mmCIF file of all heavy atoms, coordinates in Angstrom:
data_MODEL
# 
_entry.id   MODEL 
# 
loop_
_atom_site.group_PDB 
_atom_site.id 
_atom_site.type_symbol 
_atom_site.label_atom_id 
_atom_site.label_alt_id 
_atom_site.label_comp_id 
_atom_site.label_asym_id 
_atom_site.label_entity_id 
_atom_site.label_seq_id 
_atom_site.pdbx_PDB_ins_code 
_atom_site.Cartn_x 
_atom_site.Cartn_y 
_atom_site.Cartn_z 
_atom_site.occupancy 
_atom_site.B_iso_or_equiv 
_atom_site.pdbx_formal_charge 
_atom_site.auth_seq_id 
_atom_site.auth_comp_id 
_atom_site.auth_asym_id 
_atom_site.auth_atom_id 
_atom_site.pdbx_PDB_model_num 
ATOM 1   N N   . LYS A 1 1  ? -29.018 27.819 2.366  1.00 0.00 ? 1  LYS A N   1 
ATOM 2   C CA  . LYS A 1 1  ? -29.366 26.793 1.403  1.00 0.00 ? 1  LYS A CA  1 
ATOM 3   C C   . LYS A 1 1  ? -28.126 26.443 0.583  1.00 0.00 ? 1  LYS A C   1 
ATOM 4   O O   . LYS A 1 1  ? -27.843 25.274 0.306  1.00 0.00 ? 1  LYS A O   1 
ATOM 5   C CB  . LYS A 1 1  ? -30.507 27.256 0.473  1.00 0.00 ? 1  LYS A CB  1 
ATOM 6   C CG  . LYS A 1 1  ? -31.823 27.345 1.140  1.00 0.00 ? 1  LYS A CG  1 
ATOM 7   C CD  . LYS A 1 1  ? -32.845 27.813 0.131  1.00 0.00 ? 1  LYS A CD  1 
ATOM 8   C CE  . LYS A 1 1  ? -34.198 28.025 0.796  1.00 0.00 ? 1  LYS A CE  1 
ATOM 9   N NZ  . LYS A 1 1  ? -35.205 28.534 -0.125 1.00 0.00 ? 1  LYS A NZ  1 
ATOM 10  N N   . ILE A 1 2  ? -27.378 27.430 0.156  1.00 0.00 ? 2  ILE A N   1 
ATOM 11  C CA  . ILE A 1 2  ? -26.133 27.209 -0.634 1.00 0.00 ? 2  ILE A CA  1 
ATOM 12  C C   . ILE A 1 2  ? -25.137 26.469 0.203  1.00 0.00 ? 2  ILE A C   1 
ATOM 13  O O   . ILE A 1 2  ? -24.502 25.505 -0.279 1.00 0.00 ? 2  ILE A O   1 
ATOM 14  C CB  . ILE A 1 2  ? -25.600 28.575 -1.149 1.00 0.00 ? 2  ILE A CB  1 
ATOM 15  C CG1 . ILE A 1 2  ? -26.566 29.200 -2.118 1.00 0.00 ? 2  ILE A CG1 1 
ATOM 16  C CG2 . ILE A 1 2  ? -24.231 28.354 -1.786 1.00 0.00 ? 2  ILE A CG2 1 
ATOM 17  C CD1 . ILE A 1 2  ? -26.186 30.634 -2.530 1.00 0.00 ? 2  ILE A CD1 1 
ATOM 18  N N   . ILE A 1 3  ? -24.975 26.846 1.440  1.00 0.00 ? 3  ILE A N   1 
ATOM 19  C CA  . ILE A 1 3  ? -23.998 26.182 2.327  1.00 0.00 ? 3  ILE A CA  1 
ATOM 20  C C   . ILE A 1 3  ? -24.396 24.728 2.582  1.00 0.00 ? 3  ILE A C   1 
ATOM 21  O O   . ILE A 1 3  ? -23.575 23.816 2.518  1.00 0.00 ? 3  ILE A O   1 
ATOM 22  C CB  . ILE A 1 3  ? -23.845 26.964 3.668  1.00 0.00 ? 3  ILE A CB  1 
ATOM 23  C CG1 . ILE A 1 3  ? -23.209 28.314 3.426  1.00 0.00 ? 3  ILE A CG1 1 
ATOM 24  C CG2 . ILE A 1 3  ? -23.089 26.145 4.678  1.00 0.00 ? 3  ILE A CG2 1 
ATOM 25  C CD1 . ILE A 1 3  ? -23.168 29.212 4.628  1.00 0.00 ? 3  ILE A CD1 1 
ATOM 26  N N   . LEU A 1 4  ? -25.699 24.474 2.771  1.00 0.00 ? 4  LEU A N   1 
ATOM 27  C CA  . LEU A 1 4  ? -26.171 23.132 3.003  1.00 0.00 ? 4  LEU A CA  1 
ATOM 28  C C   . LEU A 1 4  ? -26.018 22.241 1.764  1.00 0.00 ? 4  LEU A C   1 
ATOM 29  O O   . LEU A 1 4  ? -25.542 21.080 1.873  1.00 0.00 ? 4  LEU A O   1 
ATOM 30  C CB  . LEU A 1 4  ? -27.666 23.176 3.422  1.00 0.00 ? 4  LEU A CB  1 
ATOM 31  C CG  . LEU A 1 4  ? -27.874 22.619 4.830  1.00 0.00 ? 4  LEU A CG  1 
ATOM 32  C CD1 . LEU A 1 4  ? -28.006 23.744 5.789  1.00 0.00 ? 4  LEU A CD1 1 
ATOM 33  C CD2 . LEU A 1 4  ? -29.066 21.724 4.761  1.00 0.00 ? 4  LEU A CD2 1 
ATOM 34  N N   . VAL A 1 5  ? -26.308 22.762 0.610  1.00 0.00 ? 5  VAL A N   1 
ATOM 35  C CA  . VAL A 1 5  ? -26.169 21.969 -0.628 1.00 0.00 ? 5  VAL A CA  1 
ATOM 36  C C   . VAL A 1 5  ? -24.701 21.656 -0.899 1.00 0.00 ? 5  VAL A C   1 
ATOM 37  O O   . VAL A 1 5  ? -24.346 20.530 -1.197 1.00 0.00 ? 5  VAL A O   1 
ATOM 38  C CB  . VAL A 1 5  ? -26.811 22.701 -1.840 1.00 0.00 ? 5  VAL A CB  1 
ATOM 39  C CG1 . VAL A 1 5  ? -26.433 22.061 -3.146 1.00 0.00 ? 5  VAL A CG1 1 
ATOM 40  C CG2 . VAL A 1 5  ? -28.318 22.773 -1.704 1.00 0.00 ? 5  VAL A CG2 1 
ATOM 41  N N   . ASN A 1 6  ? -23.835 22.650 -0.777 1.00 0.00 ? 6  ASN A N   1 
ATOM 42  C CA  . ASN A 1 6  ? -22.386 22.415 -0.986 1.00 0.00 ? 6  ASN A CA  1 
ATOM 43  C C   . ASN A 1 6  ? -21.828 21.476 0.061  1.00 0.00 ? 6  ASN A C   1 
ATOM 44  O O   . ASN A 1 6  ? -20.997 20.606 -0.238 1.00 0.00 ? 6  ASN A O   1 
ATOM 45  C CB  . ASN A 1 6  ? -21.617 23.721 -1.004 1.00 0.00 ? 6  ASN A CB  1 
ATOM 46  C CG  . ASN A 1 6  ? -21.877 24.547 -2.275 1.00 0.00 ? 6  ASN A CG  1 
ATOM 47  O OD1 . ASN A 1 6  ? -22.250 23.984 -3.270 1.00 0.00 ? 6  ASN A OD1 1 
ATOM 48  N ND2 . ASN A 1 6  ? -21.670 25.830 -2.190 1.00 0.00 ? 6  ASN A ND2 1 
ATOM 49  N N   . GLY A 1 7  ? -22.252 21.617 1.288  1.00 0.00 ? 7  GLY A N   1 
ATOM 50  C CA  . GLY A 1 7  ? -21.809 20.715 2.365  1.00 0.00 ? 7  GLY A CA  1 
ATOM 51  C C   . GLY A 1 7  ? -22.246 19.308 2.086  1.00 0.00 ? 7  GLY A C   1 
ATOM 52  O O   . GLY A 1 7  ? -21.489 18.323 2.321  1.00 0.00 ? 7  GLY A O   1 
ATOM 53  N N   . GLY A 1 8  ? -23.473 19.112 1.592  1.00 0.00 ? 8  GLY A N   1 
ATOM 54  C CA  . GLY A 1 8  ? -23.963 17.768 1.263  1.00 0.00 ? 8  GLY A CA  1 
ATOM 55  C C   . GLY A 1 8  ? -23.137 17.161 0.123  1.00 0.00 ? 8  GLY A C   1 
ATOM 56  O O   . GLY A 1 8  ? -22.853 15.962 0.146  1.00 0.00 ? 8  GLY A O   1 
ATOM 57  N N   . ILE A 1 9  ? -22.835 17.961 -0.879 1.00 0.00 ? 9  ILE A N   1 
ATOM 58  C CA  . ILE A 1 9  ? -22.019 17.444 -2.006 1.00 0.00 ? 9  ILE A CA  1 
ATOM 59  C C   . ILE A 1 9  ? -20.640 17.034 -1.500 1.00 0.00 ? 9  ILE A C   1 
ATOM 60  O O   . ILE A 1 9  ? -20.149 15.971 -1.859 1.00 0.00 ? 9  ILE A O   1 
ATOM 61  C CB  . ILE A 1 9  ? -21.905 18.528 -3.112 1.00 0.00 ? 9  ILE A CB  1 
ATOM 62  C CG1 . ILE A 1 9  ? -23.303 18.749 -3.750 1.00 0.00 ? 9  ILE A CG1 1 
ATOM 63  C CG2 . ILE A 1 9  ? -20.909 18.138 -4.155 1.00 0.00 ? 9  ILE A CG2 1 
ATOM 64  C CD1 . ILE A 1 9  ? -23.366 19.899 -4.711 1.00 0.00 ? 9  ILE A CD1 1 
ATOM 65  N N   . VAL A 1 10 ? -19.997 17.848 -0.675 1.00 0.00 ? 10 VAL A N   1 
ATOM 66  C CA  . VAL A 1 10 ? -18.681 17.526 -0.131 1.00 0.00 ? 10 VAL A CA  1 
ATOM 67  C C   . VAL A 1 10 ? -18.757 16.223 0.691  1.00 0.00 ? 10 VAL A C   1 
ATOM 68  O O   . VAL A 1 10 ? -17.900 15.350 0.570  1.00 0.00 ? 10 VAL A O   1 
ATOM 69  C CB  . VAL A 1 10 ? -18.108 18.698 0.673  1.00 0.00 ? 10 VAL A CB  1 
ATOM 70  C CG1 . VAL A 1 10 ? -16.893 18.279 1.486  1.00 0.00 ? 10 VAL A CG1 1 
ATOM 71  C CG2 . VAL A 1 10 ? -17.780 19.851 -0.215 1.00 0.00 ? 10 VAL A CG2 1 
ATOM 72  N N   . LEU A 1 11 ? -19.792 16.098 1.505  1.00 0.00 ? 11 LEU A N   1 
ATOM 73  C CA  . LEU A 1 11 ? -19.968 14.901 2.320  1.00 0.00 ? 11 LEU A CA  1 
ATOM 74  C C   . LEU A 1 11 ? -20.160 13.653 1.437  1.00 0.00 ? 11 LEU A C   1 
ATOM 75  O O   . LEU A 1 11 ? -19.562 12.600 1.692  1.00 0.00 ? 11 LEU A O   1 
ATOM 76  C CB  . LEU A 1 11 ? -21.138 15.092 3.264  1.00 0.00 ? 11 LEU A CB  1 
ATOM 77  C CG  . LEU A 1 11 ? -21.391 13.974 4.270  1.00 0.00 ? 11 LEU A CG  1 
ATOM 78  C CD1 . LEU A 1 11 ? -20.207 13.867 5.210  1.00 0.00 ? 11 LEU A CD1 1 
ATOM 79  C CD2 . LEU A 1 11 ? -22.670 14.207 5.033  1.00 0.00 ? 11 LEU A CD2 1 
ATOM 80  N N   . LEU A 1 12 ? -20.981 13.780 0.393  1.00 0.00 ? 12 LEU A N   1 
ATOM 81  C CA  . LEU A 1 12 ? -21.232 12.667 -0.494 1.00 0.00 ? 12 LEU A CA  1 
ATOM 82  C C   . LEU A 1 12 ? -19.946 12.248 -1.250 1.00 0.00 ? 12 LEU A C   1 
ATOM 83  O O   . LEU A 1 12 ? -19.662 11.039 -1.315 1.00 0.00 ? 12 LEU A O   1 
ATOM 84  C CB  . LEU A 1 12 ? -22.314 13.053 -1.516 1.00 0.00 ? 12 LEU A CB  1 
ATOM 85  C CG  . LEU A 1 12 ? -22.748 11.971 -2.495 1.00 0.00 ? 12 LEU A CG  1 
ATOM 86  C CD1 . LEU A 1 12 ? -23.373 10.795 -1.766 1.00 0.00 ? 12 LEU A CD1 1 
ATOM 87  C CD2 . LEU A 1 12 ? -23.685 12.536 -3.517 1.00 0.00 ? 12 LEU A CD2 1 
ATOM 88  N N   . VAL A 1 13 ? -19.196 13.214 -1.757 1.00 0.00 ? 13 VAL A N   1 
ATOM 89  C CA  . VAL A 1 13 ? -17.941 12.904 -2.435 1.00 0.00 ? 13 VAL A CA  1 
ATOM 90  C C   . VAL A 1 13 ? -16.957 12.266 -1.462 1.00 0.00 ? 13 VAL A C   1 
ATOM 91  O O   . VAL A 1 13 ? -16.259 11.293 -1.812 1.00 0.00 ? 13 VAL A O   1 
ATOM 92  C CB  . VAL A 1 13 ? -17.354 14.179 -3.100 1.00 0.00 ? 13 VAL A CB  1 
ATOM 93  C CG1 . VAL A 1 13 ? -15.957 13.947 -3.590 1.00 0.00 ? 13 VAL A CG1 1 
ATOM 94  C CG2 . VAL A 1 13 ? -18.239 14.636 -4.248 1.00 0.00 ? 13 VAL A CG2 1 
ATOM 95  N N   . GLY A 1 14 ? -16.906 12.748 -0.223 1.00 0.00 ? 14 GLY A N   1 
ATOM 96  C CA  . GLY A 1 14 ? -16.028 12.169 0.769  1.00 0.00 ? 14 GLY A CA  1 
ATOM 97  C C   . GLY A 1 14 ? -16.337 10.720 1.077  1.00 0.00 ? 14 GLY A C   1 
ATOM 98  O O   . GLY A 1 14 ? -15.460 9.853  1.185  1.00 0.00 ? 14 GLY A O   1 
ATOM 99  N N   . VAL A 1 15 ? -17.601 10.386 1.174  1.00 0.00 ? 15 VAL A N   1 
ATOM 100 C CA  . VAL A 1 15 ? -18.029 8.998  1.430  1.00 0.00 ? 15 VAL A CA  1 
ATOM 101 C C   . VAL A 1 15 ? -17.685 8.108  0.246  1.00 0.00 ? 15 VAL A C   1 
ATOM 102 O O   . VAL A 1 15 ? -17.175 6.998  0.430  1.00 0.00 ? 15 VAL A O   1 
ATOM 103 C CB  . VAL A 1 15 ? -19.553 8.954  1.779  1.00 0.00 ? 15 VAL A CB  1 
ATOM 104 C CG1 . VAL A 1 15 ? -20.078 7.525  1.746  1.00 0.00 ? 15 VAL A CG1 1 
ATOM 105 C CG2 . VAL A 1 15 ? -19.828 9.608  3.089  1.00 0.00 ? 15 VAL A CG2 1 
ATOM 106 N N   . ILE A 1 16 ? -17.906 8.586  -0.959 1.00 0.00 ? 16 ILE A N   1 
ATOM 107 C CA  . ILE A 1 16 ? -17.578 7.802  -2.184 1.00 0.00 ? 16 ILE A CA  1 
ATOM 108 C C   . ILE A 1 16 ? -16.091 7.547  -2.228 1.00 0.00 ? 16 ILE A C   1 
ATOM 109 O O   . ILE A 1 16 ? -15.637 6.414  -2.502 1.00 0.00 ? 16 ILE A O   1 
ATOM 110 C CB  . ILE A 1 16 ? -18.127 8.506  -3.406 1.00 0.00 ? 16 ILE A CB  1 
ATOM 111 C CG1 . ILE A 1 16 ? -19.634 8.481  -3.478 1.00 0.00 ? 16 ILE A CG1 1 
ATOM 112 C CG2 . ILE A 1 16 ? -17.526 7.856  -4.690 1.00 0.00 ? 16 ILE A CG2 1 
ATOM 113 C CD1 . ILE A 1 16 ? -20.218 9.302  -4.590 1.00 0.00 ? 16 ILE A CD1 1 
ATOM 114 N N   . ILE A 1 17 ? -15.275 8.547  -1.993 1.00 0.00 ? 17 ILE A N   1 
ATOM 115 C CA  . ILE A 1 17 ? -13.809 8.372  -2.001 1.00 0.00 ? 17 ILE A CA  1 
ATOM 116 C C   . ILE A 1 17 ? -13.378 7.379  -0.933 1.00 0.00 ? 17 ILE A C   1 
ATOM 117 O O   . ILE A 1 17 ? -12.523 6.540  -1.151 1.00 0.00 ? 17 ILE A O   1 
ATOM 118 C CB  . ILE A 1 17 ? -13.116 9.734  -1.854 1.00 0.00 ? 17 ILE A CB  1 
ATOM 119 C CG1 . ILE A 1 17 ? -13.310 10.563 -3.141 1.00 0.00 ? 17 ILE A CG1 1 
ATOM 120 C CG2 . ILE A 1 17 ? -11.630 9.562  -1.564 1.00 0.00 ? 17 ILE A CG2 1 
ATOM 121 C CD1 . ILE A 1 17 ? -12.762 11.980 -3.062 1.00 0.00 ? 17 ILE A CD1 1 
ATOM 122 N N   . TYR A 1 18 ? -13.955 7.494  0.277  1.00 0.00 ? 18 TYR A N   1 
ATOM 123 C CA  . TYR A 1 18 ? -13.579 6.585  1.353  1.00 0.00 ? 18 TYR A CA  1 
ATOM 124 C C   . TYR A 1 18 ? -13.906 5.141  0.966  1.00 0.00 ? 18 TYR A C   1 
ATOM 125 O O   . TYR A 1 18 ? -13.098 4.249  1.189  1.00 0.00 ? 18 TYR A O   1 
ATOM 126 C CB  . TYR A 1 18 ? -14.338 6.960  2.633  1.00 0.00 ? 18 TYR A CB  1 
ATOM 127 C CG  . TYR A 1 18 ? -14.181 5.963  3.735  1.00 0.00 ? 18 TYR A CG  1 
ATOM 128 C CD1 . TYR A 1 18 ? -13.018 5.912  4.479  1.00 0.00 ? 18 TYR A CD1 1 
ATOM 129 C CD2 . TYR A 1 18 ? -15.175 4.992  4.029  1.00 0.00 ? 18 TYR A CD2 1 
ATOM 130 C CE1 . TYR A 1 18 ? -12.823 5.008  5.473  1.00 0.00 ? 18 TYR A CE1 1 
ATOM 131 C CE2 . TYR A 1 18 ? -14.989 4.072  4.993  1.00 0.00 ? 18 TYR A CE2 1 
ATOM 132 C CZ  . TYR A 1 18 ? -13.812 4.058  5.737  1.00 0.00 ? 18 TYR A CZ  1 
ATOM 133 O OH  . TYR A 1 18 ? -13.616 3.128  6.722  1.00 0.00 ? 18 TYR A OH  1 
ATOM 134 N N   . VAL A 1 19 ? -15.071 4.895  0.404  1.00 0.00 ? 19 VAL A N   1 
ATOM 135 C CA  . VAL A 1 19 ? -15.444 3.538  -0.018 1.00 0.00 ? 19 VAL A CA  1 
ATOM 136 C C   . VAL A 1 19 ? -14.505 3.009  -1.081 1.00 0.00 ? 19 VAL A C   1 
ATOM 137 O O   . VAL A 1 19 ? -14.056 1.860  -0.988 1.00 0.00 ? 19 VAL A O   1 
ATOM 138 C CB  . VAL A 1 19 ? -16.927 3.508  -0.485 1.00 0.00 ? 19 VAL A CB  1 
ATOM 139 C CG1 . VAL A 1 19 ? -17.267 2.180  -1.149 1.00 0.00 ? 19 VAL A CG1 1 
ATOM 140 C CG2 . VAL A 1 19 ? -17.857 3.789  0.666  1.00 0.00 ? 19 VAL A CG2 1 
ATOM 141 N N   . LEU A 1 20 ? -14.197 3.811  -2.080 1.00 0.00 ? 20 LEU A N   1 
ATOM 142 C CA  . LEU A 1 20 ? -13.277 3.355  -3.132 1.00 0.00 ? 20 LEU A CA  1 
ATOM 143 C C   . LEU A 1 20 ? -11.890 3.044  -2.616 1.00 0.00 ? 20 LEU A C   1 
ATOM 144 O O   . LEU A 1 20 ? -11.303 2.021  -2.957 1.00 0.00 ? 20 LEU A O   1 
ATOM 145 C CB  . LEU A 1 20 ? -13.231 4.428  -4.248 1.00 0.00 ? 20 LEU A CB  1 
ATOM 146 C CG  . LEU A 1 20 ? -14.489 4.595  -5.074 1.00 0.00 ? 20 LEU A CG  1 
ATOM 147 C CD1 . LEU A 1 20 ? -14.346 5.763  -6.048 1.00 0.00 ? 20 LEU A CD1 1 
ATOM 148 C CD2 . LEU A 1 20 ? -14.784 3.340  -5.855 1.00 0.00 ? 20 LEU A CD2 1 
ATOM 149 N N   . VAL A 1 21 ? -11.345 3.953  -1.811 1.00 0.00 ? 21 VAL A N   1 
ATOM 150 C CA  . VAL A 1 21 ? -9.981  3.750  -1.303 1.00 0.00 ? 21 VAL A CA  1 
ATOM 151 C C   . VAL A 1 21 ? -9.946  2.558  -0.358 1.00 0.00 ? 21 VAL A C   1 
ATOM 152 O O   . VAL A 1 21 ? -9.016  1.727  -0.404 1.00 0.00 ? 21 VAL A O   1 
ATOM 153 C CB  . VAL A 1 21 ? -9.472  5.033  -0.612 1.00 0.00 ? 21 VAL A CB  1 
ATOM 154 C CG1 . VAL A 1 21 ? -8.195  4.770  0.162  1.00 0.00 ? 21 VAL A CG1 1 
ATOM 155 C CG2 . VAL A 1 21 ? -9.231  6.123  -1.622 1.00 0.00 ? 21 VAL A CG2 1 
ATOM 156 N N   . SER A 1 22 ? -10.935 2.437  0.533  1.00 0.00 ? 22 SER A N   1 
ATOM 157 C CA  . SER A 1 22 ? -10.896 1.316  1.477  1.00 0.00 ? 22 SER A CA  1 
ATOM 158 C C   . SER A 1 22 ? -11.042 -0.027 0.757  1.00 0.00 ? 22 SER A C   1 
ATOM 159 O O   . SER A 1 22 ? -10.417 -1.006 1.148  1.00 0.00 ? 22 SER A O   1 
ATOM 160 C CB  . SER A 1 22 ? -11.972 1.469  2.549  1.00 0.00 ? 22 SER A CB  1 
ATOM 161 O OG  . SER A 1 22 ? -13.255 1.377  1.980  1.00 0.00 ? 22 SER A OG  1 
ATOM 162 N N   . SER A 1 23 ? -11.866 -0.083 -0.280 1.00 0.00 ? 23 SER A N   1 
ATOM 163 C CA  . SER A 1 23 ? -12.020 -1.382 -0.992 1.00 0.00 ? 23 SER A CA  1 
ATOM 164 C C   . SER A 1 23 ? -10.732 -1.724 -1.755 1.00 0.00 ? 23 SER A C   1 
ATOM 165 O O   . SER A 1 23 ? -10.343 -2.883 -1.782 1.00 0.00 ? 23 SER A O   1 
ATOM 166 C CB  . SER A 1 23 ? -13.205 -1.333 -1.948 1.00 0.00 ? 23 SER A CB  1 
ATOM 167 O OG  . SER A 1 23 ? -12.979 -0.444 -2.992 1.00 0.00 ? 23 SER A OG  1 
ATOM 168 N N   . SER A 1 24 ? -10.100 -0.763 -2.356 1.00 0.00 ? 24 SER A N   1 
ATOM 169 C CA  . SER A 1 24 ? -8.842  -1.064 -3.070 1.00 0.00 ? 24 SER A CA  1 
ATOM 170 C C   . SER A 1 24 ? -7.731  -1.432 -2.090 1.00 0.00 ? 24 SER A C   1 
ATOM 171 O O   . SER A 1 24 ? -6.918  -2.282 -2.380 1.00 0.00 ? 24 SER A O   1 
ATOM 172 C CB  . SER A 1 24 ? -8.458  0.066  -3.991 1.00 0.00 ? 24 SER A CB  1 
ATOM 173 O OG  . SER A 1 24 ? -8.161  1.215  -3.252 1.00 0.00 ? 24 SER A OG  1 
# 
């Protein structure tokens, strides 16, 4: 459960960073 939650957070942050960098 801890690994899945942390993995989800890392995946979510990665997607947000990708969207921000690609738009700029």
